N, C-alpha and C. Protein backbone atom coordinates (compact mmCIF):
# COMPACT_ATOMS: atom_id res chain seq x y z
N MET A 1 87.55 191.01 26.94
CA MET A 1 87.55 191.37 28.36
C MET A 1 88.99 191.48 28.85
N ASN A 2 89.24 192.63 29.48
CA ASN A 2 90.60 192.85 29.94
C ASN A 2 90.88 192.06 31.21
N LYS A 3 92.04 191.43 31.22
CA LYS A 3 92.45 190.67 32.40
C LYS A 3 93.01 191.63 33.44
N PRO A 4 92.71 191.34 34.73
CA PRO A 4 93.24 192.20 35.77
C PRO A 4 94.75 192.13 35.80
N SER A 5 95.37 193.28 35.93
CA SER A 5 96.82 193.32 35.92
C SER A 5 97.37 192.84 37.26
N ARG A 6 98.46 192.13 37.19
CA ARG A 6 99.12 191.64 38.39
C ARG A 6 100.17 192.66 38.85
N ARG A 7 100.05 193.05 40.08
CA ARG A 7 101.00 193.99 40.62
C ARG A 7 102.25 193.24 41.11
N SER A 8 103.35 193.69 40.67
CA SER A 8 104.60 193.07 41.10
C SER A 8 104.90 193.50 42.52
N ARG A 9 105.39 192.49 43.30
CA ARG A 9 105.74 192.75 44.69
C ARG A 9 107.21 193.09 44.79
N SER A 10 107.50 194.25 45.28
CA SER A 10 108.89 194.66 45.41
C SER A 10 109.42 194.27 46.77
N ALA A 11 110.69 194.00 46.86
CA ALA A 11 111.32 193.62 48.12
C ALA A 11 111.32 194.79 49.07
N VAL A 12 111.05 194.48 50.32
CA VAL A 12 111.03 195.50 51.34
C VAL A 12 112.33 195.46 52.11
N LYS A 13 112.98 196.55 52.21
CA LYS A 13 114.25 196.60 52.91
C LYS A 13 114.00 196.92 54.38
N LEU A 14 114.45 196.02 55.27
CA LEU A 14 114.24 196.21 56.69
C LEU A 14 115.36 197.06 57.27
N SER A 15 114.98 197.75 58.32
CA SER A 15 116.00 198.52 59.01
C SER A 15 116.96 197.58 59.71
N PRO A 16 118.19 197.96 59.95
CA PRO A 16 119.16 197.09 60.63
C PRO A 16 118.65 196.59 61.98
N LEU A 17 117.94 197.42 62.74
CA LEU A 17 117.44 197.03 64.05
C LEU A 17 116.38 195.94 63.94
N THR A 18 115.45 196.12 62.97
CA THR A 18 114.40 195.11 62.77
C THR A 18 114.99 193.80 62.28
N ASP A 19 115.92 193.86 61.36
CA ASP A 19 116.57 192.66 60.86
C ASP A 19 117.30 191.90 61.98
N GLN A 20 117.95 192.63 62.86
CA GLN A 20 118.66 192.00 63.98
C GLN A 20 117.69 191.30 64.93
N ARG A 21 116.52 191.94 65.18
CA ARG A 21 115.52 191.35 66.07
C ARG A 21 114.95 190.07 65.48
N LEU A 22 114.65 190.07 64.18
CA LEU A 22 114.09 188.87 63.53
C LEU A 22 115.09 187.73 63.56
N THR A 23 116.35 188.04 63.35
CA THR A 23 117.40 187.01 63.40
C THR A 23 117.49 186.41 64.79
N SER A 24 117.41 187.25 65.81
CA SER A 24 117.46 186.77 67.20
C SER A 24 116.29 185.86 67.50
N TYR A 25 115.08 186.24 67.04
CA TYR A 25 113.90 185.40 67.27
C TYR A 25 114.07 184.04 66.61
N ALA A 26 114.60 184.03 65.38
CA ALA A 26 114.78 182.77 64.66
C ALA A 26 115.77 181.86 65.37
N LEU A 27 116.88 182.44 65.84
CA LEU A 27 117.87 181.63 66.56
C LEU A 27 117.30 181.09 67.86
N ALA A 28 116.51 181.90 68.56
CA ALA A 28 115.91 181.45 69.82
C ALA A 28 114.94 180.31 69.58
N ALA A 29 114.12 180.43 68.50
CA ALA A 29 113.16 179.38 68.18
C ALA A 29 113.86 178.09 67.81
N ARG A 30 114.96 178.20 67.06
CA ARG A 30 115.72 177.01 66.68
C ARG A 30 116.32 176.33 67.91
N ALA A 31 116.87 177.12 68.82
CA ALA A 31 117.46 176.55 70.03
C ALA A 31 116.40 175.86 70.87
N ALA A 32 115.21 176.46 70.96
CA ALA A 32 114.12 175.84 71.73
C ALA A 32 113.69 174.54 71.10
N GLY A 33 113.66 174.50 69.75
CA GLY A 33 113.27 173.27 69.07
C GLY A 33 114.25 172.16 69.30
N VAL A 34 115.55 172.47 69.27
CA VAL A 34 116.58 171.47 69.54
C VAL A 34 116.46 170.96 70.95
N GLY A 35 116.18 171.84 71.91
CA GLY A 35 116.03 171.42 73.30
C GLY A 35 114.88 170.46 73.48
N ILE A 36 113.76 170.74 72.82
CA ILE A 36 112.60 169.86 72.92
C ILE A 36 112.89 168.50 72.33
N LEU A 37 113.58 168.48 71.18
CA LEU A 37 113.93 167.21 70.55
C LEU A 37 114.87 166.41 71.44
N ALA A 38 115.80 167.09 72.10
CA ALA A 38 116.75 166.40 72.98
C ALA A 38 116.03 165.77 74.15
N LEU A 39 115.03 166.46 74.68
CA LEU A 39 114.28 165.91 75.80
C LEU A 39 113.46 164.70 75.37
N ALA A 40 113.10 164.61 74.11
CA ALA A 40 112.27 163.50 73.64
C ALA A 40 113.06 162.22 73.45
N VAL A 41 114.40 162.30 73.44
CA VAL A 41 115.22 161.11 73.25
C VAL A 41 115.16 160.25 74.51
N PRO A 42 114.78 158.96 74.41
CA PRO A 42 114.70 158.12 75.61
C PRO A 42 116.06 157.89 76.25
N VAL A 43 116.07 157.80 77.58
CA VAL A 43 117.30 157.55 78.31
C VAL A 43 117.65 156.06 78.23
N GLU A 44 118.87 155.76 77.80
CA GLU A 44 119.30 154.38 77.70
C GLU A 44 120.07 153.99 78.96
N GLY A 45 119.77 152.79 79.45
CA GLY A 45 120.42 152.32 80.66
C GLY A 45 121.83 151.85 80.40
N LYS A 46 122.62 151.89 81.44
CA LYS A 46 123.98 151.39 81.36
C LYS A 46 124.27 150.61 82.62
N ILE A 47 124.72 149.38 82.46
CA ILE A 47 125.06 148.53 83.59
C ILE A 47 126.57 148.59 83.82
N VAL A 48 126.96 148.90 85.04
CA VAL A 48 128.38 148.93 85.40
C VAL A 48 128.65 147.68 86.25
N TYR A 49 129.51 146.82 85.74
CA TYR A 49 129.78 145.52 86.37
C TYR A 49 131.23 145.46 86.86
N THR A 50 131.41 144.94 88.07
CA THR A 50 132.75 144.79 88.65
C THR A 50 132.97 143.34 89.07
N PRO A 51 133.82 142.59 88.37
CA PRO A 51 134.16 141.23 88.82
C PRO A 51 135.13 141.30 90.00
N THR A 52 135.04 140.36 90.91
CA THR A 52 135.93 140.32 92.05
C THR A 52 135.96 138.91 92.62
N HIS A 53 136.78 138.69 93.60
CA HIS A 53 136.79 137.41 94.31
C HIS A 53 137.26 137.69 95.73
N HIS A 54 136.31 137.61 96.67
CA HIS A 54 136.64 137.93 98.06
C HIS A 54 135.91 136.97 98.99
N VAL A 55 136.65 136.28 99.83
CA VAL A 55 136.08 135.32 100.77
C VAL A 55 135.84 136.03 102.11
N ILE A 56 134.63 135.85 102.65
CA ILE A 56 134.25 136.46 103.92
C ILE A 56 133.94 135.33 104.90
N THR A 57 134.77 135.18 105.94
CA THR A 57 134.59 134.06 106.86
C THR A 57 135.21 134.38 108.22
N HIS A 58 134.82 133.61 109.23
CA HIS A 58 135.39 133.70 110.58
C HIS A 58 135.45 135.13 111.13
N GLY A 59 134.31 135.81 111.08
CA GLY A 59 134.21 137.14 111.67
C GLY A 59 134.67 138.29 110.80
N ALA A 60 135.03 138.03 109.57
CA ALA A 60 135.49 139.10 108.66
C ALA A 60 134.29 139.83 108.05
N SER A 61 134.57 140.96 107.42
CA SER A 61 133.53 141.71 106.74
C SER A 61 134.08 142.30 105.45
N TYR A 62 133.18 142.74 104.58
CA TYR A 62 133.57 143.33 103.31
C TYR A 62 132.71 144.56 103.07
N ASN A 63 133.34 145.70 102.79
CA ASN A 63 132.61 146.94 102.49
C ASN A 63 132.32 147.00 101.00
N LEU A 64 131.04 146.87 100.65
CA LEU A 64 130.63 146.82 99.25
C LEU A 64 130.25 148.22 98.76
N ASP A 65 131.02 148.72 97.81
CA ASP A 65 130.79 150.02 97.19
C ASP A 65 130.36 149.75 95.74
N LEU A 66 129.06 149.70 95.50
CA LEU A 66 128.55 149.26 94.20
C LEU A 66 129.00 150.14 93.04
N ASN A 67 129.02 151.44 93.23
CA ASN A 67 129.36 152.33 92.12
C ASN A 67 130.77 152.90 92.22
N ARG A 68 131.58 152.39 93.14
CA ARG A 68 132.99 152.73 93.26
C ARG A 68 133.21 154.24 93.42
N ASP A 69 132.37 154.89 94.24
CA ASP A 69 132.53 156.32 94.48
C ASP A 69 133.21 156.62 95.82
N GLY A 70 133.68 155.57 96.50
CA GLY A 70 134.34 155.74 97.77
C GLY A 70 133.42 155.71 98.97
N VAL A 71 132.12 155.53 98.73
CA VAL A 71 131.14 155.45 99.81
C VAL A 71 130.66 154.01 99.93
N THR A 72 130.78 153.42 101.11
CA THR A 72 130.32 152.04 101.32
C THR A 72 128.79 152.01 101.30
N ASP A 73 128.24 151.14 100.45
CA ASP A 73 126.78 151.02 100.33
C ASP A 73 126.22 149.93 101.24
N PHE A 74 126.96 148.81 101.34
CA PHE A 74 126.55 147.68 102.17
C PHE A 74 127.78 147.07 102.85
N ILE A 75 127.56 146.45 104.00
CA ILE A 75 128.61 145.71 104.67
C ILE A 75 128.21 144.24 104.71
N LEU A 76 128.99 143.40 104.05
CA LEU A 76 128.78 141.96 104.09
C LEU A 76 129.54 141.44 105.31
N LYS A 77 128.84 140.93 106.29
CA LYS A 77 129.42 140.62 107.59
C LYS A 77 129.26 139.16 107.95
N ASP A 78 130.38 138.54 108.35
CA ASP A 78 130.36 137.17 108.85
C ASP A 78 130.58 137.23 110.37
N THR A 79 129.76 136.51 111.11
CA THR A 79 129.94 136.45 112.57
C THR A 79 130.28 135.01 112.95
N PHE A 80 131.09 134.88 114.00
CA PHE A 80 131.52 133.55 114.43
C PHE A 80 131.71 133.55 115.94
N PHE A 81 131.16 132.51 116.58
CA PHE A 81 131.27 132.39 118.04
C PHE A 81 131.39 130.92 118.41
N THR A 82 132.23 130.64 119.39
CA THR A 82 132.33 129.27 119.89
C THR A 82 132.72 129.29 121.37
N ASN A 83 132.20 128.30 122.11
CA ASN A 83 132.64 128.07 123.51
C ASN A 83 133.01 126.61 123.70
N CYS A 84 133.68 126.09 122.67
CA CYS A 84 134.19 124.71 122.62
C CYS A 84 133.12 123.71 122.22
N SER A 85 131.99 123.67 122.92
CA SER A 85 130.96 122.68 122.60
C SER A 85 129.86 123.25 121.70
N THR A 86 129.80 124.56 121.57
CA THR A 86 128.77 125.21 120.77
C THR A 86 129.41 126.14 119.75
N PHE A 87 128.86 126.09 118.53
CA PHE A 87 129.33 126.97 117.47
C PHE A 87 128.13 127.74 116.92
N ALA A 88 128.31 129.02 116.71
CA ALA A 88 127.29 129.86 116.08
C ALA A 88 127.97 130.73 115.03
N SER A 89 127.44 130.71 113.82
CA SER A 89 128.03 131.47 112.73
C SER A 89 126.94 131.92 111.78
N SER A 90 127.14 133.05 111.15
CA SER A 90 126.15 133.56 110.20
C SER A 90 126.81 134.55 109.25
N VAL A 91 126.12 134.83 108.15
CA VAL A 91 126.56 135.85 107.22
C VAL A 91 125.34 136.72 106.90
N ALA A 92 125.55 138.02 106.85
CA ALA A 92 124.43 138.94 106.65
C ALA A 92 124.88 140.10 105.78
N VAL A 93 123.88 140.80 105.20
CA VAL A 93 124.13 142.02 104.43
C VAL A 93 123.48 143.17 105.19
N ASN A 94 124.27 144.18 105.52
CA ASN A 94 123.79 145.30 106.32
C ASN A 94 123.92 146.60 105.54
N PRO A 95 122.84 147.37 105.37
CA PRO A 95 122.94 148.66 104.68
C PRO A 95 123.86 149.61 105.43
N ALA A 96 124.70 150.31 104.70
CA ALA A 96 125.61 151.28 105.31
C ALA A 96 125.10 152.71 105.17
N VAL A 97 124.06 152.89 104.37
CA VAL A 97 123.47 154.21 104.13
C VAL A 97 121.96 154.11 104.29
N LYS A 98 121.36 155.11 104.92
CA LYS A 98 119.92 155.11 105.11
C LYS A 98 119.20 155.09 103.77
N GLY A 99 118.21 154.23 103.65
CA GLY A 99 117.48 154.08 102.39
C GLY A 99 117.95 152.91 101.55
N ASN A 100 119.14 152.39 101.84
CA ASN A 100 119.62 151.20 101.14
C ASN A 100 118.95 149.96 101.70
N GLY A 101 118.90 148.89 100.91
CA GLY A 101 118.30 147.65 101.40
C GLY A 101 118.54 146.49 100.46
N ALA A 102 118.38 145.28 100.99
CA ALA A 102 118.50 144.05 100.21
C ALA A 102 117.13 143.41 100.08
N GLU A 103 116.86 142.83 98.93
CA GLU A 103 115.56 142.20 98.70
C GLU A 103 115.38 141.02 99.65
N GLY A 104 114.20 140.92 100.25
CA GLY A 104 113.96 139.84 101.20
C GLY A 104 112.57 139.90 101.79
N TRP A 105 112.43 139.33 102.96
CA TRP A 105 111.14 139.31 103.64
C TRP A 105 111.38 139.42 105.15
N THR A 106 110.33 139.78 105.86
CA THR A 106 110.44 139.90 107.31
C THR A 106 109.83 138.67 107.97
N GLY A 107 110.35 138.33 109.12
CA GLY A 107 109.87 137.19 109.90
C GLY A 107 110.51 137.27 111.26
N PHE A 108 110.97 136.13 111.78
CA PHE A 108 111.71 136.15 113.03
C PHE A 108 112.94 137.05 112.90
N ARG A 109 113.55 137.01 111.71
CA ARG A 109 114.62 137.94 111.34
C ARG A 109 114.34 138.42 109.91
N PRO A 110 114.83 139.60 109.56
CA PRO A 110 114.66 140.05 108.17
C PRO A 110 115.64 139.32 107.25
N TYR A 111 115.15 138.33 106.54
CA TYR A 111 116.01 137.47 105.72
C TYR A 111 116.18 138.04 104.31
N ALA A 112 117.36 137.86 103.76
CA ALA A 112 117.66 138.27 102.39
C ALA A 112 117.45 137.09 101.45
N LEU A 113 116.87 137.37 100.29
CA LEU A 113 116.61 136.32 99.31
C LEU A 113 117.88 135.98 98.53
N ALA A 114 118.01 134.70 98.19
CA ALA A 114 119.07 134.22 97.30
C ALA A 114 118.45 134.10 95.91
N LEU A 115 118.55 135.16 95.13
CA LEU A 115 117.87 135.20 93.83
C LEU A 115 118.59 134.36 92.79
N LYS A 116 117.81 133.77 91.91
CA LYS A 116 118.37 133.03 90.78
C LYS A 116 118.67 133.99 89.63
N PRO A 117 119.56 133.61 88.72
CA PRO A 117 119.83 134.46 87.55
C PRO A 117 118.54 134.74 86.79
N GLY A 118 118.37 135.97 86.35
CA GLY A 118 117.17 136.35 85.60
C GLY A 118 116.09 137.00 86.43
N ALA A 119 116.24 137.01 87.74
CA ALA A 119 115.23 137.64 88.60
C ALA A 119 115.29 139.16 88.41
N LYS A 120 114.13 139.79 88.43
CA LYS A 120 114.05 141.24 88.26
C LYS A 120 114.21 141.94 89.60
N ILE A 121 115.02 142.98 89.62
CA ILE A 121 115.28 143.75 90.84
C ILE A 121 114.92 145.20 90.55
N GLY A 122 113.89 145.71 91.24
CA GLY A 122 113.46 147.08 90.94
C GLY A 122 112.43 147.58 91.92
N PRO A 123 111.70 148.64 91.55
CA PRO A 123 110.74 149.29 92.46
C PRO A 123 109.61 148.37 92.94
N ALA A 124 109.31 147.32 92.20
CA ALA A 124 108.21 146.43 92.59
C ALA A 124 108.60 145.46 93.69
N GLN A 125 109.88 145.38 94.02
CA GLN A 125 110.35 144.44 95.03
C GLN A 125 110.42 145.11 96.41
N TYR A 126 110.62 144.28 97.43
CA TYR A 126 110.64 144.69 98.83
C TYR A 126 112.04 144.47 99.37
N PHE A 127 112.59 145.44 100.12
CA PHE A 127 114.01 145.41 100.47
C PHE A 127 114.29 145.53 101.97
N PRO A 128 113.75 144.59 102.78
CA PRO A 128 114.07 144.60 104.21
C PRO A 128 115.14 143.58 104.60
N GLY A 129 115.69 142.86 103.62
CA GLY A 129 116.56 141.71 103.89
C GLY A 129 117.85 142.06 104.61
N ARG A 130 118.25 141.16 105.53
CA ARG A 130 119.51 141.32 106.24
C ARG A 130 120.23 139.96 106.35
N GLN A 131 119.63 139.06 107.12
CA GLN A 131 120.25 137.76 107.38
C GLN A 131 120.24 136.89 106.12
N MET A 132 121.40 136.29 105.80
CA MET A 132 121.51 135.44 104.62
C MET A 132 121.49 133.96 104.99
N ALA A 133 122.40 133.54 105.85
CA ALA A 133 122.47 132.14 106.29
C ALA A 133 123.06 132.09 107.68
N SER A 134 122.56 131.17 108.51
CA SER A 134 123.09 131.04 109.87
C SER A 134 123.17 129.58 110.27
N LEU A 135 124.09 129.29 111.20
CA LEU A 135 124.31 127.94 111.71
C LEU A 135 124.41 128.00 113.23
N ASP A 136 123.67 127.13 113.88
CA ASP A 136 123.81 126.92 115.32
C ASP A 136 124.10 125.44 115.52
N SER A 137 125.27 125.14 116.08
CA SER A 137 125.69 123.76 116.24
C SER A 137 126.10 123.53 117.69
N GLY A 138 125.57 122.44 118.27
CA GLY A 138 125.90 122.12 119.66
C GLY A 138 125.53 120.69 119.98
N PRO A 139 125.55 120.33 121.25
CA PRO A 139 125.21 118.95 121.65
C PRO A 139 123.82 118.51 121.20
N GLY A 140 122.93 119.48 121.05
CA GLY A 140 121.56 119.14 120.64
C GLY A 140 121.38 118.96 119.15
N GLY A 141 122.40 119.25 118.35
CA GLY A 141 122.30 119.09 116.90
C GLY A 141 122.70 120.36 116.17
N LYS A 142 122.42 120.38 114.89
CA LYS A 142 122.76 121.51 114.04
C LYS A 142 121.49 122.10 113.44
N TYR A 143 121.45 123.43 113.41
CA TYR A 143 120.28 124.11 112.87
C TYR A 143 120.75 125.14 111.83
N TYR A 144 120.16 125.05 110.64
CA TYR A 144 120.51 125.93 109.54
C TYR A 144 119.28 126.79 109.20
N VAL A 145 119.50 128.08 108.99
CA VAL A 145 118.40 128.99 108.67
C VAL A 145 118.83 129.94 107.55
N GLY A 146 117.91 130.24 106.65
CA GLY A 146 118.17 131.22 105.60
C GLY A 146 118.17 130.61 104.22
N SER A 147 117.83 131.42 103.22
CA SER A 147 117.77 130.92 101.84
C SER A 147 119.15 130.83 101.18
N TRP A 148 120.21 131.25 101.90
CA TRP A 148 121.55 131.21 101.34
C TRP A 148 122.35 130.01 101.83
N VAL A 149 121.71 129.06 102.47
CA VAL A 149 122.42 127.89 102.99
C VAL A 149 122.92 127.02 101.83
N ASN A 150 124.24 126.91 101.69
CA ASN A 150 124.87 126.06 100.66
C ASN A 150 124.33 126.30 99.26
N VAL A 151 124.48 127.55 98.79
CA VAL A 151 124.08 127.88 97.42
C VAL A 151 125.28 128.42 96.67
N LYS A 152 125.27 128.27 95.35
CA LYS A 152 126.35 128.76 94.51
C LYS A 152 125.82 129.75 93.48
N LYS A 153 126.53 130.85 93.35
CA LYS A 153 126.26 131.88 92.34
C LYS A 153 124.79 132.33 92.36
N ARG A 154 124.37 132.74 93.54
CA ARG A 154 123.06 133.38 93.68
C ARG A 154 123.26 134.87 93.87
N TYR A 155 122.15 135.63 93.87
CA TYR A 155 122.26 137.07 93.79
C TYR A 155 121.49 137.78 94.90
N LEU A 156 122.14 138.76 95.49
CA LEU A 156 121.47 139.70 96.38
C LEU A 156 120.87 140.80 95.51
N GLY A 157 119.58 141.05 95.67
CA GLY A 157 118.95 142.18 95.00
C GLY A 157 119.12 143.41 95.88
N LEU A 158 119.71 144.47 95.33
CA LEU A 158 120.10 145.61 96.15
C LEU A 158 119.47 146.92 95.66
N ARG A 159 119.00 147.69 96.61
CA ARG A 159 118.54 149.07 96.36
C ARG A 159 119.46 150.01 97.12
N PHE A 160 119.98 151.02 96.44
CA PHE A 160 120.91 151.92 97.11
C PHE A 160 120.80 153.33 96.53
N LYS A 161 121.45 154.28 97.20
CA LYS A 161 121.34 155.69 96.83
C LYS A 161 122.63 156.21 96.20
N ILE A 162 122.46 157.01 95.16
CA ILE A 162 123.56 157.79 94.58
C ILE A 162 123.08 159.24 94.57
N ASP A 163 123.73 160.10 95.33
CA ASP A 163 123.32 161.50 95.45
C ASP A 163 121.85 161.63 95.84
N GLY A 164 121.42 160.74 96.72
CA GLY A 164 120.06 160.80 97.23
C GLY A 164 119.01 160.18 96.33
N LYS A 165 119.39 159.65 95.16
CA LYS A 165 118.44 159.05 94.23
C LYS A 165 118.61 157.53 94.21
N THR A 166 117.49 156.84 93.99
CA THR A 166 117.46 155.38 94.10
C THR A 166 117.96 154.69 92.84
N HIS A 167 118.87 153.75 93.03
CA HIS A 167 119.36 152.89 91.95
C HIS A 167 119.27 151.44 92.42
N TYR A 168 119.34 150.50 91.45
CA TYR A 168 119.23 149.08 91.77
C TYR A 168 120.45 148.34 91.24
N GLY A 169 120.83 147.30 91.98
CA GLY A 169 121.99 146.52 91.60
C GLY A 169 121.92 145.11 92.15
N TRP A 170 122.99 144.37 91.99
CA TRP A 170 123.05 143.01 92.53
C TRP A 170 124.49 142.68 92.94
N ALA A 171 124.59 141.71 93.82
CA ALA A 171 125.89 141.15 94.21
C ALA A 171 125.80 139.64 94.11
N ARG A 172 126.78 139.01 93.47
CA ARG A 172 126.78 137.56 93.26
C ARG A 172 127.67 136.91 94.32
N LEU A 173 127.09 135.93 95.04
CA LEU A 173 127.84 135.23 96.08
C LEU A 173 127.53 133.75 96.07
N SER A 174 128.48 133.00 96.60
CA SER A 174 128.27 131.59 96.93
C SER A 174 128.48 131.48 98.44
N VAL A 175 127.60 130.71 99.10
CA VAL A 175 127.67 130.58 100.56
C VAL A 175 127.79 129.11 100.93
N GLU A 176 128.76 128.82 101.79
CA GLU A 176 128.97 127.45 102.25
C GLU A 176 128.76 127.38 103.77
N VAL A 177 127.89 126.49 104.18
CA VAL A 177 127.62 126.26 105.60
C VAL A 177 128.25 124.93 105.98
N GLY A 178 129.31 124.98 106.80
CA GLY A 178 130.00 123.76 107.20
C GLY A 178 129.53 123.27 108.55
N SER A 179 130.34 122.46 109.18
CA SER A 179 129.97 121.90 110.48
C SER A 179 130.07 122.93 111.61
N HIS A 180 130.99 123.91 111.42
CA HIS A 180 131.23 124.86 112.50
C HIS A 180 131.19 126.33 112.09
N ASN A 181 131.08 126.59 110.80
CA ASN A 181 131.06 128.00 110.42
C ASN A 181 130.37 128.21 109.07
N VAL A 182 130.03 129.47 108.81
CA VAL A 182 129.44 129.89 107.54
C VAL A 182 130.44 130.81 106.84
N SER A 183 130.65 130.61 105.56
CA SER A 183 131.54 131.49 104.80
C SER A 183 130.86 131.87 103.48
N ALA A 184 131.17 133.07 103.01
CA ALA A 184 130.59 133.57 101.76
C ALA A 184 131.71 134.03 100.83
N THR A 185 131.52 133.83 99.54
CA THR A 185 132.49 134.27 98.54
C THR A 185 131.80 135.20 97.55
N LEU A 186 132.24 136.45 97.52
CA LEU A 186 131.70 137.44 96.59
C LEU A 186 132.48 137.37 95.29
N THR A 187 131.75 137.19 94.16
CA THR A 187 132.44 137.03 92.87
C THR A 187 132.09 138.11 91.86
N GLY A 188 131.28 139.07 92.24
CA GLY A 188 130.98 140.16 91.31
C GLY A 188 129.78 140.97 91.76
N TYR A 189 129.68 142.18 91.23
CA TYR A 189 128.51 143.02 91.54
C TYR A 189 128.30 144.02 90.40
N ALA A 190 127.09 144.54 90.30
CA ALA A 190 126.75 145.45 89.22
C ALA A 190 125.61 146.37 89.65
N TYR A 191 125.46 147.48 88.93
CA TYR A 191 124.33 148.37 89.19
C TYR A 191 123.89 149.06 87.91
N GLU A 192 122.65 149.54 87.91
CA GLU A 192 122.06 150.26 86.78
C GLU A 192 122.25 151.76 87.01
N THR A 193 122.77 152.47 86.01
CA THR A 193 123.08 153.89 86.17
C THR A 193 121.84 154.78 86.11
N VAL A 194 120.75 154.31 85.49
CA VAL A 194 119.55 155.13 85.37
C VAL A 194 118.74 155.06 86.66
N VAL A 195 118.31 156.20 87.14
CA VAL A 195 117.55 156.29 88.39
C VAL A 195 116.25 155.50 88.29
N ASN A 196 115.98 154.68 89.32
CA ASN A 196 114.75 153.88 89.45
C ASN A 196 114.55 152.86 88.33
N GLU A 197 115.58 152.58 87.57
CA GLU A 197 115.47 151.59 86.48
C GLU A 197 115.80 150.20 87.02
N PRO A 198 114.94 149.19 86.80
CA PRO A 198 115.22 147.83 87.29
C PRO A 198 116.45 147.24 86.61
N ILE A 199 117.00 146.22 87.25
CA ILE A 199 118.13 145.47 86.70
C ILE A 199 117.82 143.99 86.85
N ILE A 200 118.36 143.18 85.98
CA ILE A 200 118.15 141.74 86.02
C ILE A 200 119.34 141.08 86.73
N ALA A 201 119.06 140.19 87.67
CA ALA A 201 120.12 139.50 88.40
C ALA A 201 121.04 138.75 87.44
N GLY A 202 122.31 139.05 87.50
CA GLY A 202 123.28 138.40 86.63
C GLY A 202 123.56 139.14 85.34
N ASP A 203 122.77 140.17 85.02
CA ASP A 203 122.96 140.90 83.77
C ASP A 203 124.16 141.83 83.88
N THR A 204 125.09 141.71 82.97
CA THR A 204 126.27 142.57 82.95
C THR A 204 126.35 143.39 81.67
N LYS A 205 125.33 143.28 80.83
CA LYS A 205 125.37 143.95 79.54
C LYS A 205 124.19 144.91 79.38
N GLY A 206 124.52 146.21 79.25
CA GLY A 206 123.52 147.21 78.92
C GLY A 206 123.83 147.75 77.54
N PRO A 207 123.02 148.73 77.02
CA PRO A 207 123.30 149.32 75.71
C PRO A 207 124.70 149.93 75.63
N ASP A 208 125.21 150.40 76.76
CA ASP A 208 126.55 150.99 76.79
C ASP A 208 127.24 150.53 78.06
N ASP A 209 127.37 149.22 78.20
CA ASP A 209 127.85 148.64 79.46
C ASP A 209 129.32 148.95 79.72
N VAL A 210 129.67 148.90 80.99
CA VAL A 210 131.04 149.15 81.43
C VAL A 210 131.44 148.06 82.41
N THR A 211 132.64 147.54 82.26
CA THR A 211 133.19 146.58 83.21
C THR A 211 134.38 147.22 83.90
N LEU A 212 134.33 147.29 85.21
CA LEU A 212 135.42 147.88 85.98
C LEU A 212 136.24 146.77 86.61
N GLU A 213 137.54 146.78 86.33
CA GLU A 213 138.46 145.83 86.94
C GLU A 213 139.24 146.55 88.04
N PRO A 214 139.68 145.83 89.07
CA PRO A 214 140.57 146.47 90.04
C PRO A 214 141.81 147.01 89.37
N ALA A 215 142.19 148.24 89.70
CA ALA A 215 143.35 148.88 89.06
C ALA A 215 144.63 148.15 89.43
N SER A 216 145.42 147.78 88.42
CA SER A 216 146.68 147.10 88.66
C SER A 216 147.79 148.13 88.85
N LEU A 217 148.95 147.69 89.32
CA LEU A 217 150.09 148.59 89.49
C LEU A 217 150.52 149.17 88.14
N GLY A 218 150.40 148.35 87.09
CA GLY A 218 150.77 148.84 85.76
C GLY A 218 149.86 149.97 85.30
N HIS A 219 148.55 149.83 85.57
CA HIS A 219 147.62 150.89 85.20
C HIS A 219 147.90 152.16 85.99
N LEU A 220 148.18 152.01 87.28
CA LEU A 220 148.45 153.17 88.10
C LEU A 220 149.70 153.89 87.64
N ALA A 221 150.74 153.12 87.24
CA ALA A 221 151.99 153.73 86.78
C ALA A 221 151.80 154.45 85.46
N ALA A 222 150.87 153.94 84.63
CA ALA A 222 150.64 154.56 83.33
C ALA A 222 149.91 155.88 83.44
N GLY A 223 149.24 156.12 84.56
CA GLY A 223 148.57 157.39 84.77
C GLY A 223 147.25 157.49 84.02
N ALA A 224 146.89 158.72 83.62
CA ALA A 224 145.58 158.98 83.02
C ALA A 224 145.38 158.23 81.72
N ALA A 225 146.46 157.98 80.98
CA ALA A 225 146.35 157.29 79.69
C ALA A 225 145.81 155.88 79.85
N ALA A 226 145.93 155.30 81.05
CA ALA A 226 145.51 153.92 81.26
C ALA A 226 144.07 153.80 81.70
N ILE A 227 143.39 154.95 81.96
CA ILE A 227 142.02 154.89 82.49
C ILE A 227 141.07 154.16 81.56
N PRO A 228 141.05 154.46 80.21
CA PRO A 228 140.13 153.70 79.34
C PRO A 228 140.33 152.20 79.42
N ALA A 229 141.59 151.75 79.46
CA ALA A 229 141.86 150.30 79.54
C ALA A 229 141.41 149.74 80.85
N TRP A 230 141.59 150.51 81.95
CA TRP A 230 141.16 150.03 83.28
C TRP A 230 139.65 149.89 83.32
N ARG A 231 138.91 150.85 82.72
CA ARG A 231 137.45 150.80 82.75
C ARG A 231 136.90 149.64 81.96
N SER A 232 137.57 149.29 80.83
CA SER A 232 137.08 148.20 80.00
C SER A 232 137.63 146.85 80.41
N GLY A 233 138.54 146.83 81.36
CA GLY A 233 139.12 145.57 81.80
C GLY A 233 140.19 145.04 80.89
N LYS A 234 140.75 145.89 80.00
CA LYS A 234 141.77 145.42 79.06
C LYS A 234 143.16 145.65 79.62
């Protein structure tokens, strides 16, 4: 029995125009595939932390710019009043931009919470807080109000806007309520760069964390070459 003969397949030569079109289709498909793969990569968070030391007392205030873009996000304000026999003093956090807020609760006044290290700050929390600690002292006695009365290294949970999008951060403060006044000391602050991503109070380390130090005169004199060292705090 004769076996069926196999026909050899000869190469087909494409016209230059057809070959160019097929090449274009292949390149377009490859580019689309790379784009899809890039979109599938999860976004990693980055915490930007700024250490500082600033005392706020006797009617002073501090403009807190969490992401150092030149826009004040919150104003930490100390108020002080006396008429010789009566003293009234308080410290509060006030949003400087619409949509910003501090974690807290509402009551007689919108109080800000003094969070412990490890507390989660994010979309699940409530941000109406303003008043931190207050003192009223007079002939009738002394009255202290707020969760920030005589606490050390506690955290404000903060929600703020960058280009209209919500980010979360924290500010670390110690508050001292004395006989006649309230004072607060800010020792650091941080924020999460990913939109709507929670941050942990006290956390300064992300997958690609950055620590920003105040620029020294030496860094400024060095110019652009000193920027990496300034960003890393070296």
